[in-house]
Amino acid sequence: RRTVLHVLRSAAWSCCDAGAGLAELSAALLRHVAEQCTAPVLSLTPAAAAAEQAVRAEWFDLCAACASSAQASRLLGPSAGLVVDACISVATSRPPGVPAAGGSDESISPEAIFGLKQALLLLQAAVPPAPLGQMLHLALQEPCSPVVGGRVILLPLPCSRSGALLCALLVCLSTWAPSWLLGDAASALWSMRNGHGTGVFARWLDEALAPDGLPRASLSAD
């Protein structure tokens, strides 16, 4: 799958000036990969889970590379919602052996959450006015499915993808994620606030924190 992603990266750029048929085929291939990358990381061994994280990291890296290109972003347009869902999926994929309440920073290797780190870098780069950022802006405001990446979302329905994403990120950062990931998370959230608009981001954050017990069980909605 990693080899396929490298091929698709080349195809996304090379077909921009080609005929519509090739562009449509590339978009369809990208959507198929996007669907696969929303699947849950259910590997039981650390090595297998790290391999799955690496695949998702390649996908997010491809998307980030296309973020500022209008032509390449058009190929990813049909997959914009799935890109957001993939970000939600990695944020809810706790590495095997890591307790829900979190362990020491040394107990989580960079490879174990490589997909999550690259998702944060993508969210930082793909914001308006970047072409892909505009597409993700629309996708983030769409209703979220009750199950993303094989896991039931934490927010009551109906909710938006943006609320589900921010909730998933805040929960993992408040529980099991290592402290050395906070810098990437802060940069991503600050970029989203500035790119998507402070008022819009505030509404998304209100939705993510509306229920009691989120992002930690001891916190109320107030």
Protein backbone atom coordinates (compact mmCIF):
# COMPACT_ATOMS: atom_id res chain seq x y z
CA ARG A 1 0.00 0.00 0.00
CA ARG A 2 2.87 2.39 0.66
CA THR A 3 4.13 1.77 -2.88
CA VAL A 4 0.67 2.51 -4.25
CA LEU A 5 0.61 5.80 -2.38
CA HIS A 6 3.94 6.80 -3.89
CA VAL A 7 2.57 6.00 -7.36
CA LEU A 8 -0.56 8.00 -6.68
CA ARG A 9 1.51 10.97 -5.55
CA SER A 10 3.19 11.01 -8.96
CA ALA A 11 -0.11 10.46 -10.76
CA ALA A 12 -1.77 13.34 -8.92
CA TRP A 13 0.81 15.77 -10.26
CA SER A 14 1.41 14.33 -13.71
CA CYS A 15 -2.24 14.08 -14.74
CA CYS A 16 -3.11 17.69 -13.93
CA ASP A 17 -2.57 18.78 -17.54
CA ALA A 18 -3.89 15.53 -19.02
CA GLY A 19 -7.37 14.71 -20.26
CA ALA A 20 -10.40 14.55 -18.02
CA GLY A 21 -10.50 10.78 -18.27
CA LEU A 22 -7.14 10.34 -16.62
CA ALA A 23 -7.97 12.94 -13.99
CA GLU A 24 -11.22 11.19 -13.15
CA LEU A 25 -9.39 7.86 -12.89
CA SER A 26 -6.79 9.38 -10.58
CA ALA A 27 -9.52 10.90 -8.40
CA ALA A 28 -11.24 7.52 -8.18
CA LEU A 29 -8.00 5.80 -7.19
CA LEU A 30 -7.33 8.44 -4.56
CA ARG A 31 -10.82 7.98 -3.15
CA HIS A 32 -10.26 4.23 -2.88
CA VAL A 33 -7.07 4.81 -0.91
CA ALA A 34 -8.89 7.38 1.24
CA GLU A 35 -11.55 4.82 2.08
CA GLN A 36 -8.91 2.30 3.11
CA CYS A 37 -7.19 4.87 5.32
CA THR A 38 -10.35 5.47 7.34
CA ALA A 39 -10.33 1.86 8.49
CA PRO A 40 -9.54 1.34 12.18
CA VAL A 41 -6.01 0.48 13.31
CA LEU A 42 -6.89 -2.75 15.11
CA SER A 43 -3.50 -4.47 14.99
CA LEU A 44 -2.74 -6.39 18.15
CA THR A 45 1.04 -6.05 18.01
CA PRO A 46 3.04 -2.81 18.22
CA ALA A 47 4.93 -3.62 15.01
CA ALA A 48 1.76 -4.21 12.98
CA ALA A 49 0.10 -1.09 14.40
CA ALA A 50 3.19 0.98 13.56
CA ALA A 51 3.05 -0.33 9.99
CA GLU A 52 -0.58 0.77 9.73
CA GLN A 53 0.34 4.17 11.12
CA ALA A 54 3.06 4.46 8.48
CA VAL A 55 0.53 3.88 5.70
CA ARG A 56 -1.71 6.61 7.03
CA ALA A 57 1.26 8.92 7.46
CA GLU A 58 2.06 8.49 3.76
CA TRP A 59 -1.53 9.34 2.87
CA PHE A 60 -1.56 12.49 4.99
CA ASP A 61 1.82 13.50 3.56
CA LEU A 62 0.45 13.11 0.03
CA CYS A 63 -2.56 15.29 0.90
CA ALA A 64 -0.35 17.95 2.48
CA ALA A 65 1.87 18.00 -0.63
CA CYS A 66 -1.21 18.73 -2.75
CA ALA A 67 -2.75 21.30 -0.40
CA SER A 68 -1.52 24.42 -2.18
CA SER A 69 -2.11 23.19 -5.75
CA ALA A 70 -5.55 23.88 -7.18
CA GLN A 71 -5.18 21.19 -9.84
CA ALA A 72 -3.94 18.49 -7.49
CA SER A 73 -6.50 19.44 -4.85
CA ARG A 74 -9.30 18.93 -7.37
CA LEU A 75 -8.29 15.28 -7.56
CA LEU A 76 -8.66 15.04 -3.78
CA GLY A 77 -11.94 16.98 -3.70
CA PRO A 78 -14.21 13.90 -3.84
CA SER A 79 -12.24 12.45 -0.92
CA ALA A 80 -12.24 15.53 1.34
CA GLY A 81 -14.70 14.08 3.84
CA LEU A 82 -12.74 10.83 3.98
CA VAL A 83 -9.54 12.77 4.66
CA VAL A 84 -11.18 14.28 7.74
CA ASP A 85 -12.50 10.85 8.77
CA ALA A 86 -8.98 9.42 8.49
CA CYS A 87 -7.75 12.14 10.85
CA ILE A 88 -10.49 11.19 13.33
CA SER A 89 -9.53 7.53 12.97
CA VAL A 90 -5.86 8.00 13.86
CA ALA A 91 -6.78 10.27 16.78
CA THR A 92 -8.87 7.45 18.24
CA SER A 93 -6.31 4.70 17.53
CA ARG A 94 -4.47 4.23 20.82
CA PRO A 95 -1.28 2.17 20.34
CA PRO A 96 -1.37 -1.42 21.63
CA GLY A 97 -0.20 -1.73 25.22
CA VAL A 98 -0.73 1.94 26.06
CA PRO A 99 -3.30 2.36 28.87
CA ALA A 100 -6.31 4.58 28.28
CA ALA A 101 -5.11 6.94 30.99
CA GLY A 102 -1.73 7.19 29.30
CA GLY A 103 1.74 6.03 30.26
CA SER A 104 5.15 7.60 30.32
CA ASP A 105 6.31 9.48 27.25
CA GLU A 106 9.04 6.89 26.80
CA SER A 107 6.45 4.12 26.46
CA ILE A 108 5.15 5.51 23.15
CA SER A 109 7.55 5.50 20.23
CA PRO A 110 7.29 8.05 17.40
CA GLU A 111 6.48 5.19 15.02
CA ALA A 112 3.45 4.21 17.11
CA ILE A 113 1.70 7.52 16.39
CA PHE A 114 3.38 8.56 13.14
CA GLY A 115 0.01 8.71 11.37
CA LEU A 116 -1.41 10.99 14.05
CA LYS A 117 1.60 13.30 13.84
CA GLN A 118 1.28 13.58 10.05
CA ALA A 119 -2.46 14.19 10.39
CA LEU A 120 -1.71 17.18 12.62
CA LEU A 121 0.77 18.50 10.06
CA LEU A 122 -1.87 18.11 7.35
CA LEU A 123 -4.48 19.96 9.42
CA GLN A 124 -1.95 22.73 9.91
CA ALA A 125 -1.20 23.05 6.18
CA ALA A 126 -4.60 22.39 4.61
CA VAL A 127 -6.52 25.48 5.71
CA PRO A 128 -8.10 28.27 3.65
CA PRO A 129 -7.06 29.95 1.43
CA ALA A 130 -5.14 26.83 0.27
CA PRO A 131 -7.30 24.99 -2.31
CA LEU A 132 -7.41 21.76 -0.32
CA GLY A 133 -8.06 23.78 2.82
CA GLN A 134 -11.20 25.24 1.26
CA MET A 135 -12.42 21.74 0.43
CA LEU A 136 -11.72 20.49 3.94
CA HIS A 137 -13.49 23.56 5.32
CA LEU A 138 -16.69 22.41 3.63
CA ALA A 139 -16.17 18.77 4.64
CA LEU A 140 -15.61 19.71 8.28
CA GLN A 141 -19.04 21.32 8.43
CA GLU A 142 -20.82 18.25 7.09
CA PRO A 143 -22.63 15.84 9.46
CA CYS A 144 -20.42 13.13 10.90
CA SER A 145 -21.25 9.43 10.68
CA PRO A 146 -22.03 7.73 13.98
CA VAL A 147 -19.10 5.35 13.44
CA VAL A 148 -15.73 6.49 12.06
CA GLY A 149 -12.79 4.16 11.69
CA GLY A 150 -14.74 1.33 13.30
CA ARG A 151 -15.33 3.31 16.48
CA VAL A 152 -18.44 5.09 17.73
CA ILE A 153 -17.79 8.82 17.92
CA LEU A 154 -17.81 10.42 21.36
CA LEU A 155 -20.30 13.20 20.61
CA PRO A 156 -24.08 12.75 20.58
CA LEU A 157 -25.68 12.90 17.14
CA PRO A 158 -26.22 14.96 15.15
CA CYS A 159 -22.77 16.48 15.13
CA SER A 160 -20.38 17.79 12.52
CA ARG A 161 -17.11 16.26 11.37
CA SER A 162 -15.34 19.27 12.86
CA GLY A 163 -16.80 18.63 16.31
CA ALA A 164 -15.96 14.94 16.13
CA LEU A 165 -12.41 15.71 14.99
CA LEU A 166 -11.67 18.29 17.67
CA CYS A 167 -13.23 16.07 20.32
CA ALA A 168 -11.10 13.09 19.26
CA LEU A 169 -7.94 15.20 19.25
CA LEU A 170 -8.62 16.77 22.64
CA VAL A 171 -9.46 13.42 24.24
CA CYS A 172 -6.29 11.72 23.02
CA LEU A 173 -4.15 14.72 23.99
CA SER A 174 -5.74 14.75 27.46
CA THR A 175 -5.31 11.03 28.09
CA TRP A 176 -2.81 8.76 26.33
CA ALA A 177 -0.91 10.95 23.84
CA PRO A 178 2.69 11.80 24.83
CA SER A 179 3.53 15.34 25.87
CA TRP A 180 6.01 15.73 23.00
CA LEU A 181 3.07 15.72 20.58
CA LEU A 182 1.52 18.83 22.13
CA GLY A 183 3.60 21.23 20.05
CA ASP A 184 2.33 19.75 16.78
CA ALA A 185 -1.22 19.73 18.11
CA ALA A 186 -1.06 23.35 19.23
CA SER A 187 0.32 24.44 15.86
CA ALA A 188 -2.41 22.54 14.02
CA LEU A 189 -5.23 23.96 16.15
CA TRP A 190 -3.86 27.51 15.92
CA SER A 191 -3.57 27.22 12.15
CA MET A 192 -7.14 25.88 11.94
CA ARG A 193 -8.39 28.77 14.07
CA ASN A 194 -6.73 31.33 11.84
CA GLY A 195 -7.46 29.62 8.53
CA HIS A 196 -11.06 28.56 9.04
CA GLY A 197 -11.97 31.70 11.00
CA THR A 198 -12.08 32.40 14.72
CA GLY A 199 -15.88 32.42 14.87
CA VAL A 200 -16.23 29.16 12.96
CA PHE A 201 -13.50 27.48 14.99
CA ALA A 202 -15.13 28.65 18.23
CA ARG A 203 -18.40 26.99 17.18
CA TRP A 204 -16.55 23.78 16.36
CA LEU A 205 -14.80 23.85 19.72
CA ASP A 206 -18.09 24.49 21.56
CA GLU A 207 -19.56 21.44 19.88
CA ALA A 208 -16.52 19.30 20.75
CA LEU A 209 -16.66 20.26 24.43
CA ALA A 210 -20.45 20.41 24.87
CA PRO A 211 -21.00 17.03 26.61
CA ASP A 212 -19.94 16.54 30.23
CA GLY A 213 -16.88 14.37 30.69
CA LEU A 214 -15.01 15.56 27.61
CA PRO A 215 -12.13 15.66 27.07
CA ARG A 216 -11.68 14.19 30.56
CA ALA A 217 -14.19 12.41 32.75
CA SER A 218 -13.74 14.93 35.56
CA LEU A 219 -14.69 17.95 33.42
CA SER A 220 -18.18 19.35 32.97
CA ALA A 221 -19.42 21.18 29.89
CA ASP A 222 -19.09 24.46 31.80
